[in-house]
Protein backbone atom coordinates (compact mmCIF):
# COMPACT_ATOMS: atom_id res chain seq x y z
CA MET A 1 0.00 0.00 0.00
CA ARG A 2 1.17 3.54 -0.73
CA TRP A 3 0.34 6.76 1.12
CA CYS A 4 0.91 10.08 -0.65
CA MET A 5 1.57 12.78 1.92
CA PRO A 6 -0.66 15.88 1.57
CA VAL A 7 1.40 18.80 0.28
CA GLU A 8 0.38 21.10 3.13
CA LEU A 9 2.05 18.93 5.79
CA SER A 10 5.62 19.52 6.98
CA ARG A 11 8.68 17.31 7.22
CA ASP A 12 8.37 17.43 11.04
CA TRP A 13 4.80 16.16 10.78
CA LEU A 14 5.98 13.27 8.60
CA VAL A 15 8.79 12.39 11.01
CA ASN A 16 6.34 12.33 13.94
CA LEU A 17 3.87 10.20 11.99
CA LEU A 18 6.54 7.69 10.97
CA ASN A 19 7.83 7.50 14.56
CA GLN A 20 4.31 6.67 15.75
CA CYS A 21 4.00 4.03 13.03
CA ASP A 22 7.31 2.50 14.14
CA GLU A 23 6.03 2.36 17.74
CA LEU A 24 2.86 0.61 16.56
CA GLY A 25 4.86 -1.78 14.38
CA ILE A 26 3.03 -0.81 11.20
CA ARG A 27 5.67 1.25 9.35
CA ASN A 28 6.55 -1.62 7.01
CA GLN A 29 2.92 -1.93 5.85
CA PHE A 30 2.96 1.08 3.51
CA GLU A 31 5.19 3.19 1.29
CA VAL A 32 5.44 6.97 1.64
CA GLU A 33 5.23 9.13 -1.48
CA VAL A 34 5.93 12.89 -1.53
CA LEU A 35 5.28 15.34 -4.35
CA SER A 36 8.76 16.70 -4.95
CA TYR A 37 8.40 18.70 -8.15
CA GLY A 38 5.50 20.37 -9.92
CA HIS A 39 2.56 22.70 -9.46
CA LEU A 40 0.83 22.01 -6.15
CA PRO A 41 -2.70 20.64 -6.49
CA LEU A 42 -4.94 23.06 -4.59
CA ALA A 43 -8.56 22.31 -5.50
CA TYR A 44 -10.88 20.41 -7.79
CA SER A 45 -14.16 21.75 -9.10
CA ALA A 46 -17.28 20.23 -10.63
CA ARG A 47 -17.00 22.95 -13.26
CA CYS A 48 -14.37 22.81 -16.01
CA PHE A 49 -12.54 26.13 -16.05
CA THR A 50 -11.18 25.58 -19.55
CA ALA A 51 -14.62 24.90 -21.03
CA ARG A 52 -16.09 27.88 -19.17
CA SER A 53 -13.35 30.20 -20.46
CA GLU A 54 -14.40 29.25 -23.99
CA ASP A 55 -18.16 29.59 -23.25
CA ARG A 56 -18.74 25.86 -23.68
CA PRO A 57 -20.92 23.68 -21.46
CA LYS A 58 -18.87 21.11 -19.55
CA ASP A 59 -20.68 18.19 -21.21
CA GLU A 60 -20.08 19.67 -24.68
CA CYS A 61 -16.52 20.87 -24.22
CA GLU A 62 -15.05 18.80 -27.07
CA THR A 63 -11.99 18.37 -24.80
CA CYS A 64 -10.90 21.95 -25.50
CA CYS A 65 -8.37 21.59 -22.65
CA ILE A 66 -6.14 19.62 -25.03
CA GLN A 67 -5.30 22.98 -26.63
CA TYR A 68 -3.68 24.02 -23.32
CA PRO A 69 -1.29 21.20 -22.33
CA ASN A 70 0.23 23.38 -19.57
CA GLY A 71 -3.13 24.70 -18.37
CA ARG A 72 -4.20 28.33 -18.33
CA ASN A 73 -2.33 30.85 -16.22
CA VAL A 74 -4.13 33.17 -13.82
CA LEU A 75 -2.18 36.37 -13.19
CA SER A 76 -2.42 38.84 -10.32
CA GLN A 77 -2.87 42.58 -10.85
CA GLU A 78 0.92 42.78 -10.50
CA ASN A 79 1.21 40.37 -13.45
CA GLN A 80 2.53 37.49 -11.31
CA GLN A 81 1.37 33.95 -11.91
CA VAL A 82 -0.99 33.03 -9.05
CA PHE A 83 -2.70 29.85 -10.27
CA VAL A 84 -2.73 27.42 -13.15
CA LEU A 85 -6.18 26.20 -14.19
CA ASN A 86 -6.26 22.88 -15.99
CA GLY A 87 -9.72 21.49 -16.66
CA ILE A 88 -11.32 21.01 -13.25
CA GLN A 89 -8.07 21.39 -11.31
CA THR A 90 -6.64 24.54 -9.70
CA MET A 91 -2.89 24.38 -9.10
CA SER A 92 -0.28 26.72 -7.65
CA GLY A 93 1.12 29.33 -10.00
CA TYR A 94 4.70 28.54 -9.12
CA VAL A 95 6.40 25.18 -9.37
CA TYR A 96 7.13 23.42 -6.08
CA ASN A 97 10.67 22.02 -6.07
CA LEU A 98 12.12 19.84 -3.30
CA GLY A 99 15.14 18.89 -5.41
CA ASN A 100 17.54 20.29 -2.81
CA GLU A 101 15.84 18.22 -0.09
CA LEU A 102 16.11 14.79 -1.73
CA ALA A 103 19.13 13.75 0.33
CA SER A 104 17.41 14.66 3.62
CA MET A 105 14.29 12.75 2.55
CA ARG A 106 16.25 9.51 2.21
CA GLY A 107 15.04 7.05 4.83
CA LEU A 108 11.73 8.90 5.29
CA VAL A 109 10.30 8.78 1.80
CA ASP A 110 10.08 5.73 -0.45
CA ILE A 111 8.89 7.43 -3.63
CA VAL A 112 9.24 10.98 -4.94
CA ARG A 113 6.58 12.16 -7.35
CA LEU A 114 7.62 14.41 -10.23
CA SER A 115 4.86 16.29 -12.01
CA PRO A 116 6.42 18.19 -14.92
CA ALA A 117 4.58 21.34 -15.89
CA GLY A 118 5.29 21.08 -19.60
CA TYR A 119 7.50 19.75 -22.34
CA GLY A 120 11.18 19.98 -21.36
CA ASP A 121 10.31 21.23 -17.88
CA LEU A 122 12.53 18.82 -15.96
CA CYS A 123 15.49 19.70 -18.17
CA HIS A 124 15.45 23.18 -16.63
CA ALA A 125 14.73 22.24 -13.00
C-alpha cells in the first residue's frame, strides 16, 4: 500500500507520523510518497474552467483543454502567476521544487513524485 503525503504537511509532521507508526509496528505496511516537483494541487471543481473560459458547457466541451497542455495561467494585478487552471483542477502558480531536499528525505520517503509542468520542464529544474 502507498500513502501520498498531503502537500500542506511539513517534514516534522511526517517524522512524527513515521515514529508513531514505528512504535505501533506498522511502518513496514505502507510506502510513503511525496510530491517533490511540480505545481501544487490546490482544489478540484465540478465545473471545467477551460470549457467555461471558452463559453462551452462542460458536457459539450469537445476536450478543448487539449489545446492548453500546460493549463491556463491566472495572473495577479501585478502580473505574477498566481494559479494554473487545468480542466477542473486549480494548481499553484509557481512550481514546487524539493530537489535540494532529496538527500534529507532519504530514509523517510520511499517514492518521490515528479509532475512536470510542460515539455522539457525537468530539463530546466
